[in-house]
């Protein structure tokens, strides 16, 4: 029954009586007994490997949670009763780490439950080892369902959970990379004569604001023109160095600074629809609405449905004050390429 040429040598116990007893059991075992035992042990091994894979995944989650917690603590407010002195990039880093942490905590709670369920099945399989070989193999539960089969959903869920974690980490890495680029632009523009601070933008009149948009476009190498027609006083036509034409609408709102401070107005979907109708009949490759305020969620959905680019207060700061290239124009250029 034992292949003497096999790579695995049977254990040789020191105690002679034990050796004789083991040898007697092996000698009486049939090939079916050997196969049954091999299948039984293999089931236990596979179940254990699934448990260990979940343990490894939980360790990865723990590591990401520690990193997110560290970044969140490093970018948090010093004291809650003191005015918040953090700059926008630090706040965004804090928000990004907080959002990631919330997602990770949800994932880790589910992963620990899955690991417990795996462990229970693995224990049911391994606890039967040492019983008479007449027991049914593969091992089934009381309903007759094979125990190892019941682990299939948890094995598949581990694959999906691993992909979700990779996506979360990649998204967080992209966000932090973008924030690092913003910080670099912010530092480079310090003291620049072409940088336009937001408090100055907020105090502009609507006509000054659209003139600013035209100036910023010219700074970035666009050829600009003022289109004629009804309602065109807040429009600028701009052609980029690659020859693509964009139509810009400047929508100035009352800023959040000054006395008394008021929150920046959000542009609504009806207002955005009105601007879109104003652009109809004109020739352009992209339509961009620029504001020192914000956009409501319905307005954002409307813009997505009509292929419009929205530049809100944060985007305007990056463009005007930090002198970054306009993101939506860059995205369009990449799509065309």
Protein backbone atom coordinates (compact mmCIF):
# COMPACT_ATOMS: atom_id res chain seq x y z
CA UNK A 1 0.00 0.00 0.00
CA UNK A 2 3.02 2.30 0.38
CA UNK A 3 5.02 3.47 -2.57
CA UNK A 4 8.60 3.14 -1.37
CA UNK A 5 9.83 5.25 -4.29
CA UNK A 6 7.56 8.20 -3.36
CA UNK A 7 9.09 11.54 -2.35
CA UNK A 8 7.36 11.42 1.05
CA UNK A 9 8.70 8.96 3.60
CA UNK A 10 6.29 7.60 6.22
CA UNK A 11 6.96 8.82 9.75
CA UNK A 12 9.11 6.39 11.78
CA UNK A 13 8.03 6.59 15.40
CA UNK A 14 10.60 5.92 18.12
CA UNK A 15 8.25 3.72 20.15
CA UNK A 16 8.27 0.25 18.67
CA UNK A 17 4.74 -0.60 19.82
CA UNK A 18 3.38 2.54 18.19
CA UNK A 19 5.22 1.72 15.00
CA UNK A 20 3.64 -1.71 14.97
CA UNK A 21 0.14 -0.33 15.58
CA UNK A 22 0.52 2.28 12.80
CA UNK A 23 1.94 -0.35 10.48
CA UNK A 24 -0.97 -2.65 11.23
CA UNK A 25 -3.50 0.07 10.36
CA UNK A 26 -1.70 0.87 7.11
CA UNK A 27 -1.44 -2.79 6.27
CA UNK A 28 -5.18 -3.32 6.68
CA UNK A 29 -6.12 -0.18 4.72
CA UNK A 30 -7.52 -0.65 1.22
CA UNK A 31 -6.98 1.68 -1.71
CA UNK A 32 -10.51 3.05 -1.14
CA UNK A 33 -9.53 3.80 2.45
CA UNK A 34 -6.47 5.69 1.26
CA UNK A 35 -8.46 7.70 -1.32
CA UNK A 36 -11.20 8.47 1.20
CA UNK A 37 -8.61 9.74 3.68
CA UNK A 38 -6.87 11.81 1.02
CA UNK A 39 -10.17 13.46 -0.02
CA UNK A 40 -11.06 14.15 3.59
CA UNK A 41 -7.75 15.82 4.37
CA UNK A 42 -7.86 17.75 1.07
CA UNK A 43 -11.27 19.21 1.98
CA UNK A 44 -9.86 20.38 5.30
CA UNK A 45 -6.83 21.87 3.56
CA UNK A 46 -8.91 23.79 1.00
CA UNK A 47 -11.19 25.15 3.72
CA UNK A 48 -8.16 26.21 5.74
CA UNK A 49 -6.65 27.96 2.72
CA UNK A 50 -9.85 29.98 2.22
CA UNK A 51 -9.73 30.97 5.91
CA UNK A 52 -6.10 32.01 5.60
CA UNK A 53 -6.88 34.05 2.46
CA UNK A 54 -9.53 35.97 4.39
CA UNK A 55 -7.03 36.50 7.24
CA UNK A 56 -4.51 37.93 4.77
CA UNK A 57 -7.17 40.19 3.27
CA UNK A 58 -8.14 41.45 6.74
CA UNK A 59 -4.47 42.24 7.41
CA UNK A 60 -4.39 44.32 4.21
CA UNK A 61 -7.51 46.17 5.33
CA UNK A 62 -6.00 46.80 8.76
CA UNK A 63 -2.91 48.29 7.15
CA UNK A 64 -4.97 50.61 4.94
CA UNK A 65 -7.10 51.63 7.94
CA UNK A 66 -3.98 52.59 9.89
CA UNK A 67 -2.68 54.69 6.99
CA UNK A 68 -6.05 56.41 6.52
CA UNK A 69 -6.31 57.10 10.26
CA UNK A 70 -2.83 58.62 10.28
CA UNK A 71 -3.63 60.95 7.38
CA UNK A 72 -6.99 61.88 8.89
CA UNK A 73 -5.37 62.76 12.23
CA UNK A 74 -2.59 64.75 10.54
CA UNK A 75 -5.06 66.89 8.60
CA UNK A 76 -7.70 67.34 11.31
CA UNK A 77 -8.52 70.62 13.05
CA UNK A 78 -6.28 71.33 16.04
CA UNK A 79 -9.11 72.41 18.31
CA UNK A 80 -12.81 72.39 17.52
CA UNK A 81 -13.47 75.67 19.35
CA UNK A 82 -10.81 77.60 17.39
CA UNK A 83 -11.60 78.96 13.88
CA UNK A 84 -10.56 76.49 11.21
CA UNK A 85 -7.23 77.69 9.82
CA UNK A 86 -6.65 74.79 7.42
CA UNK A 87 -6.24 75.56 3.74
CA UNK A 88 -8.50 73.93 1.14
CA UNK A 89 -5.99 71.26 0.18
CA UNK A 90 -5.54 70.14 3.78
CA UNK A 91 -9.31 70.00 4.19
CA UNK A 92 -9.63 67.95 1.02
CA UNK A 93 -6.95 65.55 2.25
CA UNK A 94 -8.90 65.18 5.48
CA UNK A 95 -12.15 64.58 3.61
CA UNK A 96 -10.50 62.03 1.31
CA UNK A 97 -9.01 60.07 4.21
CA UNK A 98 -12.31 60.22 6.13
CA UNK A 99 -14.26 58.90 3.13
CA UNK A 100 -11.72 56.13 2.55
CA UNK A 101 -11.78 55.20 6.23
CA UNK A 102 -15.57 54.88 6.22
CA UNK A 103 -15.42 52.55 3.21
CA UNK A 104 -12.61 50.48 4.75
CA UNK A 105 -14.41 50.10 8.07
CA UNK A 106 -17.46 48.76 6.25
CA UNK A 107 -15.28 46.32 4.30
CA UNK A 108 -13.38 45.12 7.35
CA UNK A 109 -16.57 44.44 9.32
CA UNK A 110 -17.88 42.30 6.47
CA UNK A 111 -14.51 40.56 6.03
CA UNK A 112 -14.39 39.56 9.69
CA UNK A 113 -17.87 38.09 9.47
CA UNK A 114 -16.86 36.13 6.37
CA UNK A 115 -13.76 34.84 8.13
CA UNK A 116 -15.81 33.66 11.10
CA UNK A 117 -18.18 31.81 8.78
CA UNK A 118 -15.24 30.19 6.96
CA UNK A 119 -13.72 29.13 10.25
CA UNK A 120 -16.95 27.49 11.37
CA UNK A 121 -17.10 25.33 8.23
CA UNK A 122 -13.38 24.49 8.44
CA UNK A 123 -13.88 23.39 12.04
CA UNK A 124 -16.83 21.18 11.06
CA UNK A 125 -14.63 19.50 8.46
CA UNK A 126 -11.50 19.06 10.56
CA UNK A 127 -13.31 18.01 13.74
CA UNK A 128 -14.32 14.77 12.00
CA UNK A 129 -10.72 13.76 11.37
CA UNK A 130 -9.78 10.63 13.31
CA UNK A 131 -13.23 9.12 13.08
CA UNK A 132 -13.78 5.76 11.36
CA UNK A 133 -13.23 5.87 7.62
CA UNK A 134 -16.70 4.48 7.05
CA UNK A 135 -17.96 8.06 7.45
CA UNK A 136 -19.15 9.61 4.22
CA UNK A 137 -16.53 11.46 2.18
CA UNK A 138 -16.88 14.14 0.89
CA UNK A 139 -18.32 15.41 4.18
CA UNK A 140 -21.88 16.72 4.06
CA UNK A 141 -24.02 18.68 6.50
CA UNK A 142 -27.26 17.47 8.05
CA UNK A 143 -29.18 18.46 4.91
CA UNK A 144 -26.88 16.44 2.70
CA UNK A 145 -25.12 19.47 1.15
CA UNK A 146 -21.37 19.02 0.82
CA UNK A 147 -19.68 21.20 3.45
CA UNK A 148 -16.87 22.34 1.19
CA UNK A 149 -19.45 23.48 -1.40
CA UNK A 150 -20.98 25.82 1.18
CA UNK A 151 -17.71 27.81 1.18
CA UNK A 152 -17.95 28.61 -2.53
CA UNK A 153 -19.88 31.90 -2.02
CA UNK A 154 -17.31 33.12 0.52
CA UNK A 155 -14.47 32.23 -1.83
CA UNK A 156 -16.15 34.24 -4.62
CA UNK A 157 -16.89 37.13 -2.26
CA UNK A 158 -13.21 37.27 -1.33
CA UNK A 159 -12.33 37.81 -4.99
CA UNK A 160 -14.88 40.62 -5.26
CA UNK A 161 -13.76 42.18 -1.95
CA UNK A 162 -10.14 42.16 -3.11
CA UNK A 163 -11.12 44.02 -6.29
CA UNK A 164 -13.12 46.57 -4.26
CA UNK A 165 -10.14 47.21 -2.00
CA UNK A 166 -7.83 47.66 -4.98
CA UNK A 167 -10.32 50.14 -6.51
CA UNK A 168 -10.61 52.09 -3.24
CA UNK A 169 -6.85 52.33 -2.83
CA UNK A 170 -6.38 53.35 -6.47
CA UNK A 171 -9.07 56.03 -6.20
CA UNK A 172 -7.53 57.38 -2.99
CA UNK A 173 -4.08 57.41 -4.59
CA UNK A 174 -5.43 59.37 -7.57
CA UNK A 175 -7.14 61.89 -5.30
CA UNK A 176 -4.00 62.43 -3.22
CA UNK A 177 -1.90 62.74 -6.38
CA UNK A 178 -4.28 65.39 -7.69
CA UNK A 179 -4.12 67.26 -4.37
CA UNK A 180 -0.32 67.10 -4.44
CA UNK A 181 -0.36 68.66 -7.92
CA UNK A 182 -2.71 71.37 -6.67
CA UNK A 183 -0.37 72.12 -3.79
CA UNK A 184 2.54 72.38 -6.19
CA UNK A 185 0.64 74.85 -8.38
CA UNK A 186 -0.43 76.81 -5.30
CA UNK A 187 3.16 77.19 -4.13
CA UNK A 188 4.45 78.10 -7.57
CA UNK A 189 1.87 80.86 -8.04
CA UNK A 190 2.69 82.58 -4.72
CA UNK A 191 3.60 86.17 -5.60
CA UNK A 192 2.80 85.70 -9.29
CA UNK A 193 1.46 88.82 -10.99
CA UNK A 194 -0.95 86.74 -13.10
CA UNK A 195 -2.53 85.03 -10.08
CA UNK A 196 -6.04 86.33 -9.29
CA UNK A 197 -7.20 85.71 -5.69
CA UNK A 198 -10.76 84.63 -4.99
CA UNK A 199 -11.60 87.58 -2.71
CA UNK A 200 -10.91 89.89 -5.67
CA UNK A 201 -13.05 87.73 -7.94
CA UNK A 202 -15.95 87.81 -5.49
CA UNK A 203 -15.96 91.62 -5.51
CA UNK A 204 -16.15 91.83 -9.32
CA UNK A 205 -19.20 92.84 -11.30
CA UNK A 206 -20.63 90.33 -13.82
CA UNK A 207 -19.03 92.22 -16.74
CA UNK A 208 -15.66 92.26 -14.97
CA UNK A 209 -16.00 88.55 -14.32
CA UNK A 210 -16.47 87.61 -17.98
CA UNK A 211 -13.52 89.86 -18.83
CA UNK A 212 -11.48 87.92 -16.29
CA UNK A 213 -12.49 84.64 -17.95
CA UNK A 214 -11.29 86.01 -21.30
CA UNK A 215 -7.99 87.17 -19.74
CA UNK A 216 -7.38 83.77 -18.15
CA UNK A 217 -8.04 82.04 -21.45
CA UNK A 218 -5.55 84.31 -23.18
CA UNK A 219 -3.03 83.57 -20.41
CA UNK A 220 -3.40 79.87 -21.23
CA UNK A 221 -2.75 80.43 -24.95
CA UNK A 222 -6.33 80.56 -26.27
CA UNK A 223 -7.42 82.84 -29.09
CA UNK A 224 -10.57 84.57 -27.83
CA UNK A 225 -13.47 86.39 -29.43
CA UNK A 226 -16.71 87.88 -28.16
CA UNK A 227 -19.66 86.35 -30.04
CA UNK A 228 -22.52 88.59 -30.96
CA UNK A 229 -26.24 88.03 -30.62
CA UNK A 230 -28.84 88.24 -27.89
CA UNK A 231 -27.55 87.45 -24.40
CA UNK A 232 -23.96 87.12 -25.62
CA UNK A 233 -22.54 89.70 -23.22
CA UNK A 234 -21.48 86.92 -20.84
CA UNK A 235 -20.07 84.59 -23.50
CA UNK A 236 -16.50 84.14 -24.73
CA UNK A 237 -15.49 81.99 -27.69
CA UNK A 238 -12.00 80.52 -27.25
CA UNK A 239 -9.90 78.43 -29.62
CA UNK A 240 -7.13 76.32 -28.08
CA UNK A 241 -3.70 75.82 -29.73
CA UNK A 242 -4.95 72.50 -31.18
CA UNK A 243 -7.75 74.27 -33.01
CA UNK A 244 -10.73 73.19 -30.88
CA UNK A 245 -13.26 75.89 -30.07
CA UNK A 246 -14.90 76.21 -26.66
CA UNK A 247 -17.77 78.48 -25.68
CA UNK A 248 -17.42 79.89 -22.15
CA UNK A 249 -20.20 81.40 -20.08
CA UNK A 250 -19.26 83.49 -17.04
CA UNK A 251 -21.89 83.30 -14.28
CA UNK A 252 -20.87 85.55 -11.38
CA UNK A 253 -22.65 85.22 -8.05
CA UNK A 254 -22.31 86.97 -4.73
CA UNK A 255 -19.28 85.52 -2.97
CA UNK A 256 -19.05 84.11 0.56
CA UNK A 257 -16.72 86.86 1.79
CA UNK A 258 -17.44 90.34 2.98
CA UNK A 259 -19.88 91.64 5.56
CA UNK A 260 -22.07 89.88 6.25
CA UNK A 261 -20.63 86.64 4.79
CA UNK A 262 -23.11 84.65 2.72
CA UNK A 263 -22.66 81.21 1.20
CA UNK A 264 -21.87 81.17 -2.49
CA UNK A 265 -25.01 80.69 -4.58
CA UNK A 266 -25.56 77.36 -6.31
CA UNK A 267 -26.63 77.49 -9.94
CA UNK A 268 -29.80 75.47 -10.47
CA UNK A 269 -30.79 73.11 -13.27
CA UNK A 270 -33.31 75.63 -14.74
CA UNK A 271 -30.59 78.31 -14.85
CA UNK A 272 -28.21 75.89 -16.53
CA UNK A 273 -30.88 74.96 -19.05
CA UNK A 274 -31.32 78.64 -19.86
CA UNK A 275 -27.57 78.97 -20.48
CA UNK A 276 -27.62 75.88 -22.67
CA UNK A 277 -30.44 77.34 -24.80
CA UNK A 278 -28.41 80.54 -25.12
CA UNK A 279 -25.55 78.52 -26.64
CA UNK A 280 -27.74 76.71 -29.14
CA UNK A 281 -27.12 77.56 -32.76
CA UNK A 282 -23.48 78.46 -32.11
CA UNK A 283 -20.56 76.35 -33.29
CA UNK A 284 -18.28 74.92 -30.60
CA UNK A 285 -16.56 71.72 -29.53
CA UNK A 286 -17.30 72.19 -25.84
CA UNK A 287 -19.50 74.40 -23.66
CA UNK A 288 -18.08 75.51 -20.29
CA UNK A 289 -19.92 77.35 -17.51
CA UNK A 290 -17.61 79.16 -15.07
CA UNK A 291 -18.83 80.49 -11.73
CA UNK A 292 -17.44 81.68 -8.41
CA UNK A 293 -20.29 79.79 -6.76
CA UNK A 294 -21.40 76.19 -7.14
CA UNK A 295 -23.87 73.91 -8.90
CA UNK A 296 -26.78 71.96 -7.47
CA UNK A 297 -26.91 68.20 -7.92
CA UNK A 298 -29.78 68.46 -10.46
CA UNK A 299 -27.66 70.97 -12.39
CA UNK A 300 -24.71 68.58 -12.40
CA UNK A 301 -26.93 65.81 -13.69
CA UNK A 302 -28.27 68.12 -16.41
CA UNK A 303 -24.71 69.02 -17.42
CA UNK A 304 -23.76 65.34 -17.72
CA UNK A 305 -26.79 64.67 -19.88
CA UNK A 306 -25.94 67.56 -22.23
CA UNK A 307 -22.14 67.19 -22.32
CA UNK A 308 -21.49 70.48 -20.55
CA UNK A 309 -18.40 71.23 -18.47
CA UNK A 310 -18.91 72.95 -15.11
CA UNK A 311 -16.20 74.95 -13.35
CA UNK A 312 -17.24 75.70 -9.79
CA UNK A 313 -15.61 77.85 -7.13
CA UNK A 314 -12.91 75.32 -6.34
CA UNK A 315 -12.11 74.79 -10.01
CA UNK A 316 -12.00 78.56 -10.57
CA UNK A 317 -9.54 78.98 -7.70
CA UNK A 318 -7.29 76.33 -9.22
CA UNK A 319 -7.48 78.06 -12.59
CA UNK A 320 -7.36 81.75 -11.64
CA UNK A 321 -5.44 81.83 -8.37
CA UNK A 322 -3.22 78.73 -8.60
CA UNK A 323 -2.72 79.03 -12.38
CA UNK A 324 -3.50 75.40 -13.20
CA UNK A 325 -4.56 74.52 -16.74
CA UNK A 326 -8.32 74.14 -16.98
CA UNK A 327 -9.15 70.51 -16.24
CA UNK A 328 -12.24 70.14 -18.43
CA UNK A 329 -10.37 71.45 -21.50
CA UNK A 330 -7.53 69.00 -20.82
CA UNK A 331 -10.07 66.16 -20.49
CA UNK A 332 -11.60 67.11 -23.84
CA UNK A 333 -8.18 67.17 -25.50
CA UNK A 334 -7.42 63.68 -24.15
CA UNK A 335 -10.77 62.37 -25.40
CA UNK A 336 -10.16 63.76 -28.87
CA UNK A 337 -6.63 62.34 -28.92
